[in-house]
Amino acid sequence: MKLLSKIALGSTAALGSAMASATATTPDVAATIETAVAAGQSNYTLVVVGLLSLASIGFGVGFIISKLSR
C-alpha cells in the first residue's frame, strides 16, 4: 500500500505541474475565436463568389450554344 500512495503522490505532483504549465502557455481564447470567425467569413465569401461565377459561366455558355445551334 505504501508503494501505491507514493505512486499516487507522484502522479498528483506531475499532473499539477502539467496543469500549471498548460495554463501558463494557453493563448487568449477570445483572440483565437475572432481569428477563426474571420477565416470562416472569408472562406464563406470565397465559396459564394465561386458559385456565382460558376453559375454565370454555365448560363453564358449555355446561352451561346443555344444561339449557335439555331
N, C-alpha and C. Protein backbone atom coordinates (compact mmCIF):
# COMPACT_ATOMS: atom_id res chain seq x y z
N MET A 1 0.82 -1.19 0.00
CA MET A 1 0.00 0.00 0.00
C MET A 1 0.86 1.25 0.00
N LYS A 2 2.03 1.13 0.65
CA LYS A 2 2.93 2.26 0.71
C LYS A 2 3.37 2.67 -0.71
N LEU A 3 3.61 1.67 -1.54
CA LEU A 3 4.04 1.94 -2.91
C LEU A 3 2.93 2.65 -3.69
N LEU A 4 1.69 2.23 -3.51
CA LEU A 4 0.58 2.86 -4.21
C LEU A 4 0.39 4.32 -3.80
N SER A 5 0.60 4.62 -2.53
CA SER A 5 0.45 6.01 -2.10
C SER A 5 1.57 6.87 -2.67
N LYS A 6 2.78 6.30 -2.79
CA LYS A 6 3.89 7.05 -3.40
C LYS A 6 3.62 7.31 -4.88
N ILE A 7 3.06 6.30 -5.56
CA ILE A 7 2.73 6.47 -6.97
C ILE A 7 1.65 7.53 -7.14
N ALA A 8 0.63 7.48 -6.28
CA ALA A 8 -0.45 8.46 -6.35
C ALA A 8 0.07 9.86 -6.09
N LEU A 9 0.98 9.99 -5.10
CA LEU A 9 1.54 11.29 -4.77
C LEU A 9 2.38 11.82 -5.93
N GLY A 10 3.15 10.94 -6.55
CA GLY A 10 3.98 11.35 -7.69
C GLY A 10 3.15 11.75 -8.89
N SER A 11 2.09 10.98 -9.15
CA SER A 11 1.25 11.31 -10.29
C SER A 11 0.48 12.61 -10.05
N THR A 12 0.09 12.87 -8.81
CA THR A 12 -0.59 14.12 -8.48
C THR A 12 0.34 15.30 -8.68
N ALA A 13 1.59 15.15 -8.28
CA ALA A 13 2.56 16.23 -8.46
C ALA A 13 2.83 16.48 -9.94
N ALA A 14 2.95 15.40 -10.71
CA ALA A 14 3.20 15.54 -12.15
C ALA A 14 2.01 16.19 -12.84
N LEU A 15 0.81 15.79 -12.44
CA LEU A 15 -0.40 16.36 -13.03
C LEU A 15 -0.52 17.84 -12.68
N GLY A 16 -0.20 18.20 -11.46
CA GLY A 16 -0.26 19.60 -11.05
C GLY A 16 0.73 20.46 -11.80
N SER A 17 1.94 19.96 -12.01
CA SER A 17 2.92 20.74 -12.75
C SER A 17 2.54 20.84 -14.22
N ALA A 18 1.93 19.79 -14.76
CA ALA A 18 1.49 19.83 -16.16
C ALA A 18 0.35 20.84 -16.32
N MET A 19 -0.56 20.89 -15.36
CA MET A 19 -1.66 21.86 -15.42
C MET A 19 -1.14 23.28 -15.32
N ALA A 20 -0.16 23.52 -14.45
CA ALA A 20 0.41 24.86 -14.32
C ALA A 20 1.12 25.27 -15.60
N SER A 21 1.80 24.31 -16.23
CA SER A 21 2.49 24.60 -17.48
C SER A 21 1.50 24.88 -18.59
N ALA A 22 0.39 24.14 -18.62
CA ALA A 22 -0.62 24.33 -19.68
C ALA A 22 -1.31 25.67 -19.54
N THR A 23 -1.60 26.09 -18.33
CA THR A 23 -2.29 27.36 -18.16
C THR A 23 -1.35 28.54 -18.40
N ALA A 24 -0.06 28.33 -18.24
CA ALA A 24 0.90 29.41 -18.49
C ALA A 24 1.05 29.67 -19.98
N THR A 25 0.85 28.66 -20.81
CA THR A 25 1.05 28.82 -22.25
C THR A 25 -0.25 28.86 -23.03
N THR A 26 -1.39 28.92 -22.35
CA THR A 26 -2.67 28.96 -23.03
C THR A 26 -2.86 30.30 -23.74
N PRO A 27 -3.15 30.29 -25.06
CA PRO A 27 -3.35 31.56 -25.77
C PRO A 27 -4.68 32.20 -25.38
N ASP A 28 -4.82 33.44 -25.74
CA ASP A 28 -6.05 34.18 -25.47
C ASP A 28 -7.18 33.56 -26.28
N VAL A 29 -8.19 33.06 -25.60
CA VAL A 29 -9.28 32.34 -26.26
C VAL A 29 -10.10 33.27 -27.14
N ALA A 30 -10.37 34.48 -26.68
CA ALA A 30 -11.17 35.43 -27.46
C ALA A 30 -10.47 35.77 -28.78
N ALA A 31 -9.17 35.97 -28.73
CA ALA A 31 -8.43 36.29 -29.95
C ALA A 31 -8.44 35.10 -30.92
N THR A 32 -8.33 33.90 -30.37
CA THR A 32 -8.35 32.70 -31.21
C THR A 32 -9.71 32.54 -31.89
N ILE A 33 -10.78 32.79 -31.15
CA ILE A 33 -12.12 32.69 -31.71
C ILE A 33 -12.35 33.75 -32.77
N GLU A 34 -11.89 34.97 -32.52
CA GLU A 34 -12.04 36.04 -33.51
C GLU A 34 -11.28 35.72 -34.80
N THR A 35 -10.10 35.13 -34.66
CA THR A 35 -9.33 34.74 -35.84
C THR A 35 -10.06 33.65 -36.63
N ALA A 36 -10.63 32.68 -35.92
CA ALA A 36 -11.36 31.61 -36.59
C ALA A 36 -12.62 32.13 -37.28
N VAL A 37 -13.31 33.07 -36.66
CA VAL A 37 -14.52 33.65 -37.27
C VAL A 37 -14.15 34.43 -38.53
N ALA A 38 -13.07 35.19 -38.46
CA ALA A 38 -12.64 35.94 -39.64
C ALA A 38 -12.25 35.01 -40.78
N ALA A 39 -11.57 33.92 -40.47
CA ALA A 39 -11.20 32.96 -41.50
C ALA A 39 -12.44 32.29 -42.09
N GLY A 40 -13.41 31.98 -41.25
CA GLY A 40 -14.65 31.38 -41.73
C GLY A 40 -15.43 32.31 -42.62
N GLN A 41 -15.46 33.59 -42.28
CA GLN A 41 -16.18 34.56 -43.11
C GLN A 41 -15.52 34.72 -44.47
N SER A 42 -14.20 34.74 -44.50
CA SER A 42 -13.51 34.87 -45.79
C SER A 42 -13.72 33.62 -46.63
N ASN A 43 -13.73 32.45 -46.00
CA ASN A 43 -13.99 31.22 -46.75
C ASN A 43 -15.41 31.22 -47.30
N TYR A 44 -16.36 31.68 -46.52
CA TYR A 44 -17.76 31.73 -46.96
C TYR A 44 -17.90 32.67 -48.16
N THR A 45 -17.26 33.82 -48.09
CA THR A 45 -17.30 34.78 -49.19
C THR A 45 -16.69 34.17 -50.45
N LEU A 46 -15.59 33.48 -50.29
CA LEU A 46 -14.92 32.85 -51.43
C LEU A 46 -15.82 31.80 -52.08
N VAL A 47 -16.52 31.02 -51.28
CA VAL A 47 -17.41 29.99 -51.81
C VAL A 47 -18.58 30.61 -52.55
N VAL A 48 -19.17 31.66 -51.99
CA VAL A 48 -20.31 32.32 -52.63
C VAL A 48 -19.90 32.93 -53.96
N VAL A 49 -18.78 33.62 -53.99
CA VAL A 49 -18.29 34.22 -55.24
C VAL A 49 -17.98 33.12 -56.26
N GLY A 50 -17.40 32.03 -55.82
CA GLY A 50 -17.10 30.92 -56.73
C GLY A 50 -18.35 30.30 -57.33
N LEU A 51 -19.37 30.09 -56.50
CA LEU A 51 -20.61 29.52 -57.00
C LEU A 51 -21.33 30.46 -57.96
N LEU A 52 -21.36 31.74 -57.65
CA LEU A 52 -21.99 32.71 -58.56
C LEU A 52 -21.23 32.78 -59.88
N SER A 53 -19.92 32.74 -59.82
CA SER A 53 -19.13 32.76 -61.06
C SER A 53 -19.38 31.52 -61.89
N LEU A 54 -19.41 30.36 -61.25
CA LEU A 54 -19.66 29.12 -61.96
C LEU A 54 -21.05 29.11 -62.60
N ALA A 55 -22.04 29.62 -61.87
CA ALA A 55 -23.40 29.67 -62.43
C ALA A 55 -23.48 30.62 -63.61
N SER A 56 -22.82 31.78 -63.50
CA SER A 56 -22.89 32.73 -64.61
C SER A 56 -22.14 32.21 -65.84
N ILE A 57 -21.02 31.54 -65.62
CA ILE A 57 -20.29 30.96 -66.75
C ILE A 57 -21.12 29.86 -67.41
N GLY A 58 -21.75 29.03 -66.59
CA GLY A 58 -22.60 27.96 -67.14
C GLY A 58 -23.78 28.52 -67.92
N PHE A 59 -24.40 29.56 -67.39
CA PHE A 59 -25.51 30.19 -68.09
C PHE A 59 -25.04 30.82 -69.40
N GLY A 60 -23.91 31.50 -69.35
CA GLY A 60 -23.39 32.15 -70.55
C GLY A 60 -23.03 31.16 -71.64
N VAL A 61 -22.37 30.07 -71.27
CA VAL A 61 -22.00 29.06 -72.25
C VAL A 61 -23.25 28.40 -72.82
N GLY A 62 -24.23 28.11 -71.97
CA GLY A 62 -25.49 27.52 -72.43
C GLY A 62 -26.22 28.44 -73.37
N PHE A 63 -26.22 29.74 -73.08
CA PHE A 63 -26.89 30.72 -73.93
C PHE A 63 -26.21 30.81 -75.29
N ILE A 64 -24.87 30.83 -75.28
CA ILE A 64 -24.14 30.92 -76.55
C ILE A 64 -24.37 29.67 -77.39
N ILE A 65 -24.34 28.51 -76.77
CA ILE A 65 -24.56 27.26 -77.51
C ILE A 65 -25.97 27.21 -78.08
N SER A 66 -26.95 27.66 -77.31
CA SER A 66 -28.33 27.64 -77.81
C SER A 66 -28.51 28.60 -78.97
N LYS A 67 -27.84 29.74 -78.96
CA LYS A 67 -27.94 30.70 -80.08
C LYS A 67 -27.20 30.19 -81.30
N LEU A 68 -26.10 29.50 -81.12
CA LEU A 68 -25.34 29.00 -82.26
C LEU A 68 -26.01 27.78 -82.91
N SER A 69 -26.80 27.05 -82.14
CA SER A 69 -27.41 25.84 -82.70
C SER A 69 -28.64 26.16 -83.53
N ARG A 70 -29.14 27.36 -83.52
CA ARG A 70 -30.35 27.73 -84.29
C ARG A 70 -30.04 27.94 -85.72
